[in-house]
Amino acid sequence: MIETTQYYDEYIRYFYLALDQQKKCNVSTEPPYGMMKHIESDVGDDLMHHVELYDVVERKYAGFSQIVNDVFYGWTNQHPYWHKMQADNVTHQRKTVANDWTGKHTDFKLPEWLYIFILHRVCGSAINYATKPSGYHNTLLFSLHNCKTIEDMVEMVNTYQYSFYTSVGYQFPAFPKPPAESKYKRGGDYYLSEFAPRLARDLAEFLEKGGKRDLREIGTFMLDWNVKNGLRQYHFQYAAVVADVADWYPQYTNKESPFYYGSNAVECISYLAKPTTKMKQEQFLDQVMEKIYEDTGAYPYNAEDVCCDFIRWVENYVRPGSDYDHLDFDDVWSSCRIKDHPYGRQKAMLQLGLIDTFNNITAHPSDDTILKANNMTVEQYKNLCKAL
């Protein structure tokens, strides 16, 4: 059993704020079809009005999946952003990629699409939270439409003239070291050439054997495959591939089944509730996800991602970069009602004089950066906040 906390109440409130903004500013099948500007969304949250990160409660519509929608659906009415596309309310990246990829299902079947999912996720998901749009950064998906087979894609991996790896938003897995005297210059190229093609085909065969599979069953297959082939287990990246299968090939999955938990999600969930009886960590995490599913209808694999955004929202996360440098970091805050949260960028830290300004920082002050700079404990900080 679990007992929820004030953070859980805020999570539920954040979820519906993000759902509202998703419909207004991101994607919807009803007016305004996601075409409203964030600054005009009137959700009552300054951070959400100014930062295009908190407008999603489904992984399929997050920044790290935007380009996957383009390549999978092309410029067709099956694209979830079709209303915006018809209204020419799209970025030039979407216009280019969606048009280039139209009709690729003629060439690509399940193994090819799984290879694309794997490539996209292990190369960093094309994400850069400091830019708008955030999901088209350093990616081979701009060019893979010229291929017709996995072998064609492997050839492009090894001959592409531009960088297609990005660790701006996510870290790479521990790629295998290329053999001595091999043609491969990078471990990622070696993996994508010698391992990923076989994994994609084996995974396709596994999925097509019949019946829907739980998400962790698919993940276990992929992780075990790595071990059998002498690779480290790519937990984070393969979890994203499993979610891709749920989003673009739902006929093979039990979407409501338990998912995996990244480190950010584990941190977030630890705030949301406390176990009232002794239990293993995964059992506790699963129970919190079940509670969220009951209260919001969000599948666990989506709720896990919302957890990652929620903790960023609580900590007033903005990645400093050219598209956000105009913001006053001393004045743009989330509407989170937990005023003594000790981590990240907090208004109370300014009010208590722990920092003169956040406008001179070059990176988000994650974790207890500000408290450490003041030789202050979490308990001391929370006690000071009581006087505000």
Foldseek 3Di string as FASTA:
>chain_A
DWFFDVLQVVLVVLLVLLQQQCCCQFADPDPVGNLDQLLPSPSPWQLSSQAPQSNDLFPCRGLLNPLVLLQVAAQDPVRRSNVCVVVVVDDVLSVQLSPLNPPLCVQDDQLNSLLVLLLCLQQPSCAARQDVPGRNHQAPSSPCSVDRDLQRVLVCLLVPPTGRHDPNPHDHDPADDDDPPDSDPDSSSVCSNPPSSVLSVVLVVVLPPDDADELVVSLVVSQVSQVVVVHHRPQPSVLSSSSVCCVSVVVRHPQQHAGDADPQLLVLLVNGIDDPDDDDSVVSSVVVLVVCCVVPVRRNSSSRVSSNVSVCLVQSDHFDDDSPLVDQLQPRHTPDPPQLPQFWRHNVCCVVVLDVGPSPDNGTRGDNNSCVSVVHDSVRSSVVSVVD
